[in-house]
Amino acid sequence: MTTTTVAGHAPATPLQRILNVVRLHFTNPWTTIVLPWMILGIIFVASLAVWWIIFANLPSDADRADAADGLQYSGGINYIFVYMMVVAIQAISITFPFAQGYGVTRRDYYLGSSLAFVLLAAMYSIGLTILSLIEELTHGWGFGGQMFTPVYFGDNWMQRLFVFFVTFLFFFFVGAAIATVWVRWKATGVTAFFIVLGVILIGAAALLTFTSSWAVIGNFFAGAGLLGSFAWSLVLTAIAAITGFFVLRRATPRAA
């Protein structure tokens, strides 16, 4: 969709152009919707099998209670957050050259992509929250399992909805930022990005270690609480989103 008048029709409004980009990202729902839920379903079935094996071989209720306590720290759904970063990387790197070929401005493209990521984050967050409610009502699917209700996602559905949503946003926009680096500087830029990121992380860890500041960081997040700690991720999400926008402004589709 171009910004010019075609065959006597009025030019598309900014909102229409942004929504066109959103539709572009949902043209092939396989990678953005179908495959993630399919993989999550496979992980869920495998988890059920593991829970059944565990509880079928525990002789007493006390042993089962101990096992159920350990399942509070399940990481079965954590894959889906990282996968959304991959989805964002693929979405930007594949659709940006296509959108540019149709005359979509970089601004409209990035706003449309951001809106698509927010919608996906909302959809996945609501879906996971519903599954967490079912998990609670069925007492862990009859086994005391906690795939969707680990302790670090909150104590009730409202907390979990918030935690899921901000976590998805974080991975979507970090992935988008990485993708914009790829679009502009290709493999060289991505390699340099991860080298710089590694240096920053190691430097920060060294600084905290040599200044004995790890306890301060721990106390800060303990004071912020679960929701406050996850809310701070929105700062990093905003930085990634803004960085991605300014990198993409000068990006030109080209061969690797």
C-alpha atoms as a PDB file:
ATOM      1  CA  MET A   1       0.000   0.000   0.000  1.00  0.00           C
ATOM      2  CA  THR A   2       1.449   3.306  -1.041  1.00  0.00           C
ATOM      3  CA  THR A   3       0.851   6.766   0.317  1.00  0.00           C
ATOM      4  CA  THR A   4      -0.142   8.148  -3.069  1.00  0.00           C
ATOM      5  CA  THR A   5      -3.516   8.254  -4.790  1.00  0.00           C
ATOM      6  CA  VAL A   6      -4.121   5.179  -6.963  1.00  0.00           C
ATOM      7  CA  ALA A   7      -6.805   4.899  -9.686  1.00  0.00           C
ATOM      8  CA  GLY A   8      -8.752   7.866  -8.386  1.00  0.00           C
ATOM      9  CA  HIS A   9      -8.941   6.610  -4.799  1.00  0.00           C
ATOM     10  CA  ALA A  10      -8.027   8.828  -1.864  1.00  0.00           C
ATOM     11  CA  PRO A  11      -4.638   8.131  -0.305  1.00  0.00           C
ATOM     12  CA  ALA A  12      -4.609   5.887   2.735  1.00  0.00           C
ATOM     13  CA  THR A  13      -4.725   7.656   6.074  1.00  0.00           C
ATOM     14  CA  PRO A  14      -1.853   7.137   8.560  1.00  0.00           C
ATOM     15  CA  LEU A  15      -4.070   4.813  10.610  1.00  0.00           C
ATOM     16  CA  GLN A  16      -4.952   2.763   7.529  1.00  0.00           C
ATOM     17  CA  ARG A  17      -1.290   2.434   6.601  1.00  0.00           C
ATOM     18  CA  ILE A  18      -0.421   1.291  10.127  1.00  0.00           C
ATOM     19  CA  LEU A  19      -3.262  -1.253  10.109  1.00  0.00           C
ATOM     20  CA  ASN A  20      -2.072  -2.511   6.723  1.00  0.00           C
ATOM     21  CA  VAL A  21       1.287  -3.296   8.328  1.00  0.00           C
ATOM     22  CA  VAL A  22      -0.495  -5.092  11.167  1.00  0.00           C
ATOM     23  CA  ARG A  23      -2.363  -7.223   8.638  1.00  0.00           C
ATOM     24  CA  LEU A  24       0.925  -7.905   6.871  1.00  0.00           C
ATOM     25  CA  HIS A  25       2.329  -9.469  10.029  1.00  0.00           C
ATOM     26  CA  PHE A  26      -0.753 -11.667  10.419  1.00  0.00           C
ATOM     27  CA  THR A  27      -0.824 -12.804   6.799  1.00  0.00           C
ATOM     28  CA  ASN A  28       0.896 -16.065   7.753  1.00  0.00           C
ATOM     29  CA  PRO A  29      -0.377 -17.034  11.235  1.00  0.00           C
ATOM     30  CA  TRP A  30       1.619 -20.269  11.280  1.00  0.00           C
ATOM     31  CA  THR A  31       4.780 -18.834  12.848  1.00  0.00           C
ATOM     32  CA  THR A  32       3.109 -16.164  14.973  1.00  0.00           C
ATOM     33  CA  ILE A  33       0.111 -18.064  16.368  1.00  0.00           C
ATOM     34  CA  VAL A  34      -0.251 -21.716  15.366  1.00  0.00           C
ATOM     35  CA  LEU A  35       3.265 -23.057  15.901  1.00  0.00           C
ATOM     36  CA  PRO A  36       3.864 -21.460  19.339  1.00  0.00           C
ATOM     37  CA  TRP A  37       0.594 -22.854  20.735  1.00  0.00           C
ATOM     38  CA  MET A  38       1.335 -26.222  19.151  1.00  0.00           C
ATOM     39  CA  ILE A  39       4.756 -26.436  20.776  1.00  0.00           C
ATOM     40  CA  LEU A  40       3.295 -25.270  24.082  1.00  0.00           C
ATOM     41  CA  GLY A  41       0.682 -28.023  23.811  1.00  0.00           C
ATOM     42  CA  ILE A  42       3.386 -30.625  23.263  1.00  0.00           C
ATOM     43  CA  ILE A  43       5.294 -29.354  26.305  1.00  0.00           C
ATOM     44  CA  PHE A  44       2.077 -29.476  28.333  1.00  0.00           C
ATOM     45  CA  VAL A  45       1.330 -33.075  27.365  1.00  0.00           C
ATOM     46  CA  ALA A  46       4.925 -34.059  28.164  1.00  0.00           C
ATOM     47  CA  SER A  47       4.617 -32.326  31.536  1.00  0.00           C
ATOM     48  CA  LEU A  48       1.404 -34.207  32.295  1.00  0.00           C
ATOM     49  CA  ALA A  49       3.185 -37.467  31.527  1.00  0.00           C
ATOM     50  CA  VAL A  50       6.068 -36.562  33.820  1.00  0.00           C
ATOM     51  CA  TRP A  51       3.706 -35.551  36.627  1.00  0.00           C
ATOM     52  CA  TRP A  52       1.794 -38.808  36.268  1.00  0.00           C
ATOM     53  CA  ILE A  53       5.008 -40.833  36.451  1.00  0.00           C
ATOM     54  CA  ILE A  54       6.160 -38.930  39.532  1.00  0.00           C
ATOM     55  CA  PHE A  55       2.909 -39.145  41.481  1.00  0.00           C
ATOM     56  CA  ALA A  56       2.193 -42.738  40.470  1.00  0.00           C
ATOM     57  CA  ASN A  57       5.448 -43.792  42.113  1.00  0.00           C
ATOM     58  CA  LEU A  58       5.155 -41.817  45.348  1.00  0.00           C
ATOM     59  CA  PRO A  59       3.908 -44.008  48.187  1.00  0.00           C
ATOM     60  CA  SER A  60       2.445 -41.425  50.570  1.00  0.00           C
ATOM     61  CA  ASP A  61       0.481 -38.179  50.591  1.00  0.00           C
ATOM     62  CA  ALA A  62       3.421 -36.459  52.309  1.00  0.00           C
ATOM     63  CA  ASP A  63       5.729 -37.405  49.450  1.00  0.00           C
ATOM     64  CA  ARG A  64       3.186 -36.132  46.920  1.00  0.00           C
ATOM     65  CA  ALA A  65       2.881 -32.860  48.823  1.00  0.00           C
ATOM     66  CA  ASP A  66       6.673 -32.421  48.735  1.00  0.00           C
ATOM     67  CA  ALA A  67       6.696 -33.117  45.015  1.00  0.00           C
ATOM     68  CA  ALA A  68       3.892 -30.608  44.434  1.00  0.00           C
ATOM     69  CA  ASP A  69       5.889 -27.955  46.315  1.00  0.00           C
ATOM     70  CA  GLY A  70       8.802 -28.517  43.956  1.00  0.00           C
ATOM     71  CA  LEU A  71       6.554 -28.006  40.941  1.00  0.00           C
ATOM     72  CA  GLN A  72       5.928 -24.392  42.002  1.00  0.00           C
ATOM     73  CA  TYR A  73       9.160 -23.523  40.197  1.00  0.00           C
ATOM     74  CA  SER A  74       8.287 -25.137  36.882  1.00  0.00           C
ATOM     75  CA  GLY A  75       9.740 -23.492  33.790  1.00  0.00           C
ATOM     76  CA  GLY A  76       7.580 -25.295  31.254  1.00  0.00           C
ATOM     77  CA  ILE A  77       6.178 -22.184  29.558  1.00  0.00           C
ATOM     78  CA  ASN A  78       9.301 -20.055  29.641  1.00  0.00           C
ATOM     79  CA  TYR A  79      10.207 -21.167  26.128  1.00  0.00           C
ATOM     80  CA  ILE A  80       7.295 -19.222  24.651  1.00  0.00           C
ATOM     81  CA  PHE A  81       8.697 -15.879  25.805  1.00  0.00           C
ATOM     82  CA  VAL A  82      12.042 -16.491  24.125  1.00  0.00           C
ATOM     83  CA  TYR A  83      10.259 -17.796  21.051  1.00  0.00           C
ATOM     84  CA  MET A  84       8.398 -14.500  20.754  1.00  0.00           C
ATOM     85  CA  MET A  85      11.756 -12.769  20.457  1.00  0.00           C
ATOM     86  CA  VAL A  86      12.490 -15.062  17.514  1.00  0.00           C
ATOM     87  CA  VAL A  87       9.058 -14.272  16.057  1.00  0.00           C
ATOM     88  CA  ALA A  88       9.825 -10.541  16.229  1.00  0.00           C
ATOM     89  CA  ILE A  89      13.219 -11.010  14.589  1.00  0.00           C
ATOM     90  CA  GLN A  90      11.683 -13.026  11.748  1.00  0.00           C
ATOM     91  CA  ALA A  91       8.740 -10.653  11.345  1.00  0.00           C
ATOM     92  CA  ILE A  92      10.882  -7.545  10.932  1.00  0.00           C
ATOM     93  CA  SER A  93      13.604  -9.098   8.802  1.00  0.00           C
ATOM     94  CA  ILE A  94      11.136 -10.743   6.405  1.00  0.00           C
ATOM     95  CA  THR A  95       8.383  -8.147   6.066  1.00  0.00           C
ATOM     96  CA  PHE A  96      10.410  -4.922   6.097  1.00  0.00           C
ATOM     97  CA  PRO A  97      11.845  -5.327   2.570  1.00  0.00           C
ATOM     98  CA  PHE A  98       8.393  -6.358   1.314  1.00  0.00           C
ATOM     99  CA  ALA A  99       6.717  -3.338   2.921  1.00  0.00           C
ATOM    100  CA  GLN A 100       9.361  -0.985   1.527  1.00  0.00           C
ATOM    101  CA  GLY A 101       8.664  -2.364  -1.933  1.00  0.00           C
ATOM    102  CA  TYR A 102       5.081  -1.149  -1.556  1.00  0.00           C
ATOM    103  CA  GLY A 103       6.125   2.314  -0.442  1.00  0.00           C
ATOM    104  CA  VAL A 104       5.284   2.000   3.265  1.00  0.00           C
ATOM    105  CA  THR A 105       7.184   4.598   5.267  1.00  0.00           C
ATOM    106  CA  ARG A 106       9.585   3.416   7.948  1.00  0.00           C
ATOM    107  CA  ARG A 107       7.583   5.261  10.585  1.00  0.00           C
ATOM    108  CA  ASP A 108       4.295   3.619   9.615  1.00  0.00           C
ATOM    109  CA  TYR A 109       5.982   0.268   9.291  1.00  0.00           C
ATOM    110  CA  TYR A 110       7.508   0.416  12.760  1.00  0.00           C
ATOM    111  CA  LEU A 111       4.295   1.688  14.366  1.00  0.00           C
ATOM    112  CA  GLY A 112       2.304  -1.051  12.647  1.00  0.00           C
ATOM    113  CA  SER A 113       4.825  -3.686  13.692  1.00  0.00           C
ATOM    114  CA  SER A 114       4.764  -2.402  17.273  1.00  0.00           C
ATOM    115  CA  LEU A 115       0.972  -2.551  17.335  1.00  0.00           C
ATOM    116  CA  ALA A 116       1.104  -6.120  16.000  1.00  0.00           C
ATOM    117  CA  PHE A 117       3.514  -7.091  18.786  1.00  0.00           C
ATOM    118  CA  VAL A 118       1.302  -5.482  21.438  1.00  0.00           C
ATOM    119  CA  LEU A 119      -1.726  -7.379  20.087  1.00  0.00           C
ATOM    120  CA  LEU A 120       0.200 -10.645  20.094  1.00  0.00           C
ATOM    121  CA  ALA A 121       1.422  -9.994  23.630  1.00  0.00           C
ATOM    122  CA  ALA A 122      -2.164  -9.363  24.752  1.00  0.00           C
ATOM    123  CA  MET A 123      -3.455 -12.489  23.004  1.00  0.00           C
ATOM    124  CA  TYR A 124      -0.806 -14.764  24.492  1.00  0.00           C
ATOM    125  CA  SER A 125      -1.128 -13.183  27.938  1.00  0.00           C
ATOM    126  CA  ILE A 126      -4.888 -13.694  28.016  1.00  0.00           C
ATOM    127  CA  GLY A 127      -4.503 -17.262  26.766  1.00  0.00           C
ATOM    128  CA  LEU A 128      -1.908 -18.160  29.396  1.00  0.00           C
ATOM    129  CA  THR A 129      -3.968 -16.476  32.112  1.00  0.00           C
ATOM    130  CA  ILE A 130      -7.037 -18.541  31.179  1.00  0.00           C
ATOM    131  CA  LEU A 131      -4.936 -21.702  31.289  1.00  0.00           C
ATOM    132  CA  SER A 132      -3.616 -20.682  34.695  1.00  0.00           C
ATOM    133  CA  LEU A 133      -7.187 -20.343  35.987  1.00  0.00           C
ATOM    134  CA  ILE A 134      -8.058 -23.800  34.676  1.00  0.00           C
ATOM    135  CA  GLU A 135      -4.909 -25.139  36.303  1.00  0.00           C
ATOM    136  CA  GLU A 136      -5.998 -23.692  39.636  1.00  0.00           C
ATOM    137  CA  LEU A 137      -9.563 -24.987  39.356  1.00  0.00           C
ATOM    138  CA  THR A 138      -8.355 -28.510  38.526  1.00  0.00           C
ATOM    139  CA  HIS A 139      -5.710 -28.457  41.272  1.00  0.00           C
ATOM    140  CA  GLY A 140      -2.873 -28.758  38.829  1.00  0.00           C
ATOM    141  CA  TRP A 141      -4.691 -30.904  36.249  1.00  0.00           C
ATOM    142  CA  GLY A 142      -5.263 -33.520  38.930  1.00  0.00           C
ATOM    143  CA  PHE A 143      -1.561 -33.941  39.685  1.00  0.00           C
ATOM    144  CA  GLY A 144      -0.709 -30.773  41.566  1.00  0.00           C
ATOM    145  CA  GLY A 145       1.335 -29.606  38.583  1.00  0.00           C
ATOM    146  CA  GLN A 146       2.060 -25.914  38.010  1.00  0.00           C
ATOM    147  CA  MET A 147       2.981 -25.182  34.439  1.00  0.00           C
ATOM    148  CA  PHE A 148       0.984 -21.949  34.156  1.00  0.00           C
ATOM    149  CA  THR A 149       0.996 -20.896  37.837  1.00  0.00           C
ATOM    150  CA  PRO A 150       4.616 -20.993  39.072  1.00  0.00           C
ATOM    151  CA  VAL A 151       5.259 -18.751  42.060  1.00  0.00           C
ATOM    152  CA  TYR A 152       7.243 -16.221  40.028  1.00  0.00           C
ATOM    153  CA  PHE A 153       4.177 -15.394  37.891  1.00  0.00           C
ATOM    154  CA  GLY A 154       2.051 -14.189  40.805  1.00  0.00           C
ATOM    155  CA  ASP A 155      -0.570 -15.434  43.231  1.00  0.00           C
ATOM    156  CA  ASN A 156      -3.718 -14.573  41.269  1.00  0.00           C
ATOM    157  CA  TRP A 157      -4.878 -14.186  37.697  1.00  0.00           C
ATOM    158  CA  MET A 158      -4.551 -10.384  37.646  1.00  0.00           C
ATOM    159  CA  GLN A 159      -0.901 -10.527  38.684  1.00  0.00           C
ATOM    160  CA  ARG A 160      -0.196 -13.265  36.175  1.00  0.00           C
ATOM    161  CA  LEU A 161      -1.885 -11.330  33.370  1.00  0.00           C
ATOM    162  CA  PHE A 162       0.344  -8.319  34.081  1.00  0.00           C
ATOM    163  CA  VAL A 163       3.519 -10.406  34.408  1.00  0.00           C
ATOM    164  CA  PHE A 164       2.778 -12.331  31.205  1.00  0.00           C
ATOM    165  CA  PHE A 165       2.012  -9.140  29.283  1.00  0.00           C
ATOM    166  CA  VAL A 166       5.094  -7.132  30.262  1.00  0.00           C
ATOM    167  CA  THR A 167       7.339 -10.163  29.740  1.00  0.00           C
ATOM    168  CA  PHE A 168       5.982 -10.728  26.245  1.00  0.00           C
ATOM    169  CA  LEU A 169       6.436  -7.027  25.454  1.00  0.00           C
ATOM    170  CA  PHE A 170      10.048  -7.202  26.614  1.00  0.00           C
ATOM    171  CA  PHE A 171      10.938 -10.129  24.369  1.00  0.00           C
ATOM    172  CA  PHE A 172       8.990  -8.807  21.383  1.00  0.00           C
ATOM    173  CA  PHE A 173      10.712  -5.432  21.394  1.00  0.00           C
ATOM    174  CA  VAL A 174      14.169  -6.789  22.175  1.00  0.00           C
ATOM    175  CA  GLY A 175      13.685  -9.097  19.205  1.00  0.00           C
ATOM    176  CA  ALA A 176      12.508  -6.173  17.089  1.00  0.00           C
ATOM    177  CA  ALA A 177      15.598  -4.145  18.048  1.00  0.00           C
ATOM    178  CA  ILE A 178      17.880  -7.040  17.077  1.00  0.00           C
ATOM    179  CA  ALA A 179      16.012  -7.389  13.791  1.00  0.00           C
ATOM    180  CA  THR A 180      16.471  -3.703  12.949  1.00  0.00           C
ATOM    181  CA  VAL A 181      20.211  -4.093  13.513  1.00  0.00           C
ATOM    182  CA  TRP A 182      20.128  -7.052  11.105  1.00  0.00           C
ATOM    183  CA  VAL A 183      18.135  -5.116   8.506  1.00  0.00           C
ATOM    184  CA  ARG A 184      20.544  -2.187   8.598  1.00  0.00           C
ATOM    185  CA  TRP A 185      23.949  -3.848   9.135  1.00  0.00           C
ATOM    186  CA  LYS A 186      23.291  -7.562   8.525  1.00  0.00           C
ATOM    187  CA  ALA A 187      25.406 -10.227  10.233  1.00  0.00           C
ATOM    188  CA  THR A 188      28.255  -7.839  11.010  1.00  0.00           C
ATOM    189  CA  GLY A 189      25.948  -5.547  12.935  1.00  0.00           C
ATOM    190  CA  VAL A 190      24.292  -8.364  14.874  1.00  0.00           C
ATOM    191  CA  THR A 191      27.683  -9.815  15.791  1.00  0.00           C
ATOM    192  CA  ALA A 192      28.890  -6.422  16.994  1.00  0.00           C
ATOM    193  CA  PHE A 193      25.638  -5.948  18.915  1.00  0.00           C
ATOM    194  CA  PHE A 194      26.070  -9.152  20.900  1.00  0.00           C
ATOM    195  CA  ILE A 195      29.748  -8.431  21.532  1.00  0.00           C
ATOM    196  CA  VAL A 196      28.889  -5.004  22.942  1.00  0.00           C
ATOM    197  CA  LEU A 197      26.009  -6.485  24.948  1.00  0.00           C
ATOM    198  CA  GLY A 198      28.312  -9.148  26.383  1.00  0.00           C
ATOM    199  CA  VAL A 199      30.902  -6.543  27.365  1.00  0.00           C
ATOM    200  CA  ILE A 200      28.216  -4.422  29.061  1.00  0.00           C
ATOM    201  CA  LEU A 201      26.804  -7.376  31.010  1.00  0.00           C
ATOM    202  CA  ILE A 202      30.216  -8.627  32.109  1.00  0.00           C
ATOM    203  CA  GLY A 203      31.265  -5.094  33.037  1.00  0.00           C
ATOM    204  CA  ALA A 204      28.098  -4.578  35.063  1.00  0.00           C
ATOM    205  CA  ALA A 205      28.586  -7.910  36.850  1.00  0.00           C
ATOM    206  CA  ALA A 206      32.203  -7.019  37.622  1.00  0.00           C
ATOM    207  CA  LEU A 207      31.213  -3.601  38.928  1.00  0.00           C
ATOM    208  CA  LEU A 208      28.546  -5.077  41.209  1.00  0.00           C
ATOM    209  CA  THR A 209      30.969  -7.739  42.437  1.00  0.00           C
ATOM    210  CA  PHE A 210      33.908  -5.439  43.172  1.00  0.00           C
ATOM    211  CA  THR A 211      31.674  -2.900  44.909  1.00  0.00           C
ATOM    212  CA  SER A 212      29.787  -5.623  46.848  1.00  0.00           C
ATOM    213  CA  SER A 213      26.522  -4.263  45.498  1.00  0.00           C
ATOM    214  CA  TRP A 214      24.675  -7.494  44.737  1.00  0.00           C
ATOM    215  CA  ALA A 215      22.868  -7.286  48.083  1.00  0.00           C
ATOM    216  CA  VAL A 216      21.739  -3.763  47.249  1.00  0.00           C
ATOM    217  CA  ILE A 217      20.257  -4.977  43.954  1.00  0.00           C
ATOM    218  CA  GLY A 218      18.591  -7.896  45.708  1.00  0.00           C
ATOM    219  CA  ASN A 219      17.109  -5.632  48.365  1.00  0.00           C
ATOM    220  CA  PHE A 220      15.865  -3.222  45.710  1.00  0.00           C
ATOM    221  CA  PHE A 221      13.887  -5.904  43.868  1.00  0.00           C
ATOM    222  CA  ALA A 222      12.729  -7.455  47.132  1.00  0.00           C
ATOM    223  CA  GLY A 223      11.346  -4.069  48.125  1.00  0.00           C
ATOM    224  CA  ALA A 224       9.756  -3.567  44.720  1.00  0.00           C
ATOM    225  CA  GLY A 225       7.925  -6.859  45.029  1.00  0.00           C
ATOM    226  CA  LEU A 226       6.880  -9.177  42.216  1.00  0.00           C
ATOM    227  CA  LEU A 227       4.812  -6.696  40.216  1.00  0.00           C
ATOM    228  CA  GLY A 228       7.203  -3.829  40.806  1.00  0.00           C
ATOM    229  CA  SER A 229      10.166  -5.895  39.673  1.00  0.00           C
ATOM    230  CA  PHE A 230       8.436  -6.938  36.456  1.00  0.00           C
ATOM    231  CA  ALA A 231       7.231  -3.374  35.908  1.00  0.00           C
ATOM    232  CA  TRP A 232      10.857  -2.256  35.703  1.00  0.00           C
ATOM    233  CA  SER A 233      11.202  -4.400  32.583  1.00  0.00           C
ATOM    234  CA  LEU A 234       9.036  -1.804  30.826  1.00  0.00           C
ATOM    235  CA  VAL A 235      11.990   0.600  31.004  1.00  0.00           C
ATOM    236  CA  LEU A 236      14.167  -1.857  29.071  1.00  0.00           C
ATOM    237  CA  THR A 237      11.269  -2.539  26.702  1.00  0.00           C
ATOM    238  CA  ALA A 238      10.907   1.181  25.984  1.00  0.00           C
ATOM    239  CA  ILE A 239      14.656   1.533  25.381  1.00  0.00           C
ATOM    240  CA  ALA A 240      14.599  -1.408  22.961  1.00  0.00           C
ATOM    241  CA  ALA A 241      11.542  -0.026  21.161  1.00  0.00           C
ATOM    242  CA  ILE A 242      12.996   3.470  20.761  1.00  0.00           C
ATOM    243  CA  THR A 243      16.385   2.114  19.697  1.00  0.00           C
ATOM    244  CA  GLY A 244      14.754  -0.121  17.105  1.00  0.00           C
ATOM    245  CA  PHE A 245      12.826   2.807  15.662  1.00  0.00           C
ATOM    246  CA  PHE A 246      15.871   5.030  15.200  1.00  0.00           C
ATOM    247  CA  VAL A 247      17.958   2.195  13.752  1.00  0.00           C
ATOM    248  CA  LEU A 248      15.215   1.329  11.246  1.00  0.00           C
ATOM    249  CA  ARG A 249      14.848   4.954  10.134  1.00  0.00           C
ATOM    250  CA  ARG A 250      18.091   4.650   8.178  1.00  0.00           C
ATOM    251  CA  ALA A 251      17.817   0.996   7.213  1.00  0.00           C
ATOM    252  CA  THR A 252      17.740   0.028   3.545  1.00  0.00           C
ATOM    253  CA  PRO A 253      16.623  -3.444   2.391  1.00  0.00           C
ATOM    254  CA  ARG A 254      19.527  -5.239   0.761  1.00  0.00           C
ATOM    255  CA  ALA A 255      21.008  -8.665   0.300  1.00  0.00           C
ATOM    256  CA  ALA A 256      22.977 -10.252   3.147  1.00  0.00           C
END
